[in-house]
Amino acid sequence: MKKGLTTACLLVLLPLGLFGCSSNAGDKGSSSSSSSSQSSQVASSSTSQSSSTTATNRNQGSQKAEKIRYQNVRYTTRLDNEYREEQIYKYVPGSVRNNKTYDWNTLHVSDQQKVYVSEKAVATFKDRDDNELEHEDFYRIRFSRSNTAQKYWVNDDVIENERNEAHDD
């Protein structure tokens, strides 16, 4: 039993170790610690799909978008109950290098607060793992009816709308 378990562990760890060494073979200035960190990155990348999706969404604030398509929309909706889990931006994520993010606490908003949506942006990002294109929807919102009120960009998970509700079943 112990021999079989040891053999199974070696069969899993040996390819990971070889992969880390072969990727660093051309880099003469690399250290052994970088190969072990790459091995741990490979192991951690095989975790659940939901955690990688969350990480992808958070990294899109710093990742450059391949393309952004804007569309004028006009409707009123409310903040989602879990709006604080998402970021609120000055610009569409991926459109500028240093995008300003705001703290929800300083905006003095609450659950189910009414928001005015004036624009939609569909940002296209290239996935770093498999180079496939992924699309993210962002909405330009304001918390006052006035057209001169401060406007922010948020992910589609921040607001409630028919399209989001249909996919959450």
Protein backbone atom coordinates (compact mmCIF):
# COMPACT_ATOMS: atom_id res chain seq x y z
CA MET A 1 0.00 0.00 0.00
CA LYS A 2 2.72 2.49 0.97
CA LYS A 3 4.80 1.52 -2.05
CA GLY A 4 1.86 2.13 -4.40
CA LEU A 5 1.15 5.52 -2.79
CA THR A 6 4.82 6.51 -3.03
CA THR A 7 4.92 5.48 -6.70
CA ALA A 8 1.77 7.50 -7.45
CA CYS A 9 3.22 10.61 -5.75
CA LEU A 10 6.46 10.29 -7.69
CA LEU A 11 4.58 9.93 -10.97
CA VAL A 12 2.80 13.23 -10.24
CA LEU A 13 5.74 15.19 -8.81
CA LEU A 14 8.43 14.06 -11.25
CA PRO A 15 6.77 15.55 -14.38
CA LEU A 16 6.08 18.79 -12.49
CA GLY A 17 9.75 19.01 -11.48
CA LEU A 18 10.92 18.26 -15.01
CA PHE A 19 8.55 20.83 -16.46
CA GLY A 20 9.95 23.49 -14.12
CA CYS A 21 13.56 22.58 -14.99
CA SER A 22 12.97 22.43 -18.74
CA SER A 23 11.29 25.83 -18.83
CA ASN A 24 14.31 27.37 -17.07
CA ALA A 25 16.99 25.51 -19.07
CA GLY A 26 17.50 28.42 -21.48
CA ASP A 27 17.65 31.00 -18.68
CA LYS A 28 21.19 30.90 -17.28
CA GLY A 29 20.52 33.50 -14.57
CA SER A 30 17.60 31.65 -13.01
CA SER A 31 17.71 30.05 -9.59
CA SER A 32 16.23 26.82 -8.30
CA SER A 33 13.68 28.78 -6.28
CA SER A 34 12.09 30.09 -9.47
CA SER A 35 11.59 26.55 -10.78
CA SER A 36 9.88 25.54 -7.56
CA SER A 37 7.65 28.62 -7.72
CA GLN A 38 6.75 27.74 -11.31
CA SER A 39 5.88 24.22 -10.20
CA SER A 40 3.62 25.61 -7.51
CA GLN A 41 2.03 27.94 -10.07
CA VAL A 42 1.29 24.96 -12.31
CA ALA A 43 -0.22 23.10 -9.37
CA SER A 44 -2.28 26.10 -8.29
CA SER A 45 -3.54 26.71 -11.83
CA SER A 46 -5.28 23.34 -11.72
CA THR A 47 -7.62 24.50 -8.92
CA SER A 48 -11.33 25.01 -9.41
CA GLN A 49 -12.68 26.95 -12.39
CA SER A 50 -14.58 29.44 -10.24
CA SER A 51 -11.47 30.70 -8.48
CA SER A 52 -9.69 31.26 -11.80
CA THR A 53 -12.70 33.17 -13.12
CA THR A 54 -12.66 35.42 -10.06
CA ALA A 55 -8.94 36.01 -10.46
CA THR A 56 -9.44 36.82 -14.15
CA ASN A 57 -12.13 39.39 -13.32
CA ARG A 58 -9.91 41.08 -10.73
CA ASN A 59 -6.89 41.16 -13.05
CA GLN A 60 -8.82 42.86 -15.83
CA GLY A 61 -8.39 46.18 -14.05
CA SER A 62 -4.69 46.04 -14.91
CA GLN A 63 -4.87 44.05 -18.16
CA LYS A 64 -5.11 45.98 -21.44
CA ALA A 65 -8.31 45.31 -23.36
CA GLU A 66 -7.98 44.12 -26.95
CA LYS A 67 -11.10 46.05 -27.97
CA ILE A 68 -13.86 48.05 -26.27
CA ARG A 69 -17.26 48.58 -27.89
CA TYR A 70 -19.52 51.29 -26.45
CA GLN A 71 -23.30 51.50 -26.66
CA ASN A 72 -25.67 54.20 -25.42
CA VAL A 73 -28.36 52.87 -23.08
CA ARG A 74 -30.76 54.66 -20.76
CA TYR A 75 -32.52 52.96 -17.90
CA THR A 76 -32.86 52.98 -14.13
CA THR A 77 -32.11 49.97 -11.96
CA ARG A 78 -30.84 49.13 -8.49
CA LEU A 79 -27.54 47.98 -7.00
CA ASP A 80 -27.26 44.25 -6.52
CA ASN A 81 -27.16 42.95 -2.94
CA GLU A 82 -23.52 41.89 -3.36
CA TYR A 83 -22.28 45.03 -5.08
CA ARG A 84 -19.45 45.54 -2.55
CA GLU A 85 -17.66 42.44 -3.86
CA GLU A 86 -16.89 44.24 -7.12
CA GLN A 87 -14.76 47.29 -7.93
CA ILE A 88 -16.05 50.68 -9.05
CA TYR A 89 -13.87 52.48 -11.63
CA LYS A 90 -13.36 55.92 -13.15
CA TYR A 91 -12.76 54.44 -16.64
CA VAL A 92 -13.63 51.16 -18.33
CA PRO A 93 -11.13 48.60 -17.04
CA GLY A 94 -8.52 47.89 -19.69
CA SER A 95 -8.94 51.25 -21.43
CA VAL A 96 -6.26 53.14 -19.49
CA ARG A 97 -3.03 52.11 -17.79
CA ASN A 98 -3.70 53.49 -14.28
CA ASN A 99 -7.44 53.32 -13.69
CA LYS A 100 -8.74 54.93 -10.49
CA THR A 101 -10.87 52.75 -8.25
CA TYR A 102 -13.20 54.11 -5.60
CA ASP A 103 -14.11 52.80 -2.17
CA TRP A 104 -17.80 51.98 -1.82
CA ASN A 105 -17.82 53.33 1.75
CA THR A 106 -16.87 56.84 0.62
CA LEU A 107 -19.74 56.91 -1.90
CA HIS A 108 -22.41 56.54 0.81
CA VAL A 109 -24.57 54.07 -1.09
CA SER A 110 -26.64 51.17 0.19
CA ASP A 111 -28.15 47.88 -0.96
CA GLN A 112 -30.89 48.29 -3.52
CA GLN A 113 -29.92 51.93 -4.15
CA LYS A 114 -31.37 53.34 -7.35
CA VAL A 115 -28.78 53.91 -10.10
CA TYR A 116 -29.06 55.56 -13.49
CA VAL A 117 -27.35 53.67 -16.32
CA SER A 118 -26.27 55.75 -19.32
CA GLU A 119 -23.78 53.63 -21.25
CA LYS A 120 -22.65 50.05 -21.77
CA ALA A 121 -19.14 48.93 -22.73
CA VAL A 122 -18.18 45.45 -23.88
CA ALA A 123 -14.47 44.97 -23.25
CA THR A 124 -12.64 42.13 -24.96
CA PHE A 125 -9.68 40.64 -23.10
CA LYS A 126 -7.26 37.93 -24.17
CA ASP A 127 -7.09 35.11 -21.64
CA ARG A 128 -3.49 34.67 -20.50
CA ASP A 129 -3.83 30.90 -20.13
CA ASP A 130 -5.29 29.81 -23.46
CA ASN A 131 -5.23 33.06 -25.54
CA GLU A 132 -8.98 32.89 -26.11
CA LEU A 133 -10.96 36.13 -26.19
CA GLU A 134 -13.29 36.82 -23.27
CA HIS A 135 -15.93 39.55 -23.12
CA GLU A 136 -16.84 41.56 -20.01
CA ASP A 137 -19.78 43.96 -19.76
CA PHE A 138 -19.36 47.24 -17.91
CA TYR A 139 -21.98 49.92 -17.27
CA ARG A 140 -21.63 53.65 -16.70
CA ILE A 141 -23.75 54.58 -13.71
CA ARG A 142 -24.52 57.56 -11.55
CA PHE A 143 -26.38 57.78 -8.26
CA SER A 144 -28.34 60.95 -9.05
CA ARG A 145 -30.83 61.83 -11.76
CA SER A 146 -28.71 64.85 -12.71
CA ASN A 147 -26.65 64.44 -15.90
CA THR A 148 -23.81 66.39 -14.26
CA ALA A 149 -23.50 63.92 -11.35
CA GLN A 150 -20.27 61.94 -10.96
CA LYS A 151 -20.25 58.89 -13.25
CA TYR A 152 -18.59 55.54 -12.57
CA TRP A 153 -17.95 52.31 -14.47
CA VAL A 154 -19.00 49.02 -12.87
CA ASN A 155 -19.05 45.36 -13.84
CA ASP A 156 -22.43 43.90 -14.79
CA ASP A 157 -22.51 42.03 -11.45
CA VAL A 158 -22.96 45.30 -9.55
CA ILE A 159 -26.36 46.22 -10.95
CA GLU A 160 -29.58 44.31 -11.31
CA ASN A 161 -31.05 44.05 -14.78
CA GLU A 162 -33.05 41.57 -16.81
CA ARG A 163 -30.00 40.14 -18.58
CA ASN A 164 -28.23 39.38 -15.27
CA GLU A 165 -31.32 37.94 -13.62
CA ALA A 166 -31.92 35.55 -16.53
CA HIS A 167 -28.41 34.07 -16.20
CA ASP A 168 -28.44 33.71 -12.39
CA ASP A 169 -31.05 30.90 -12.33
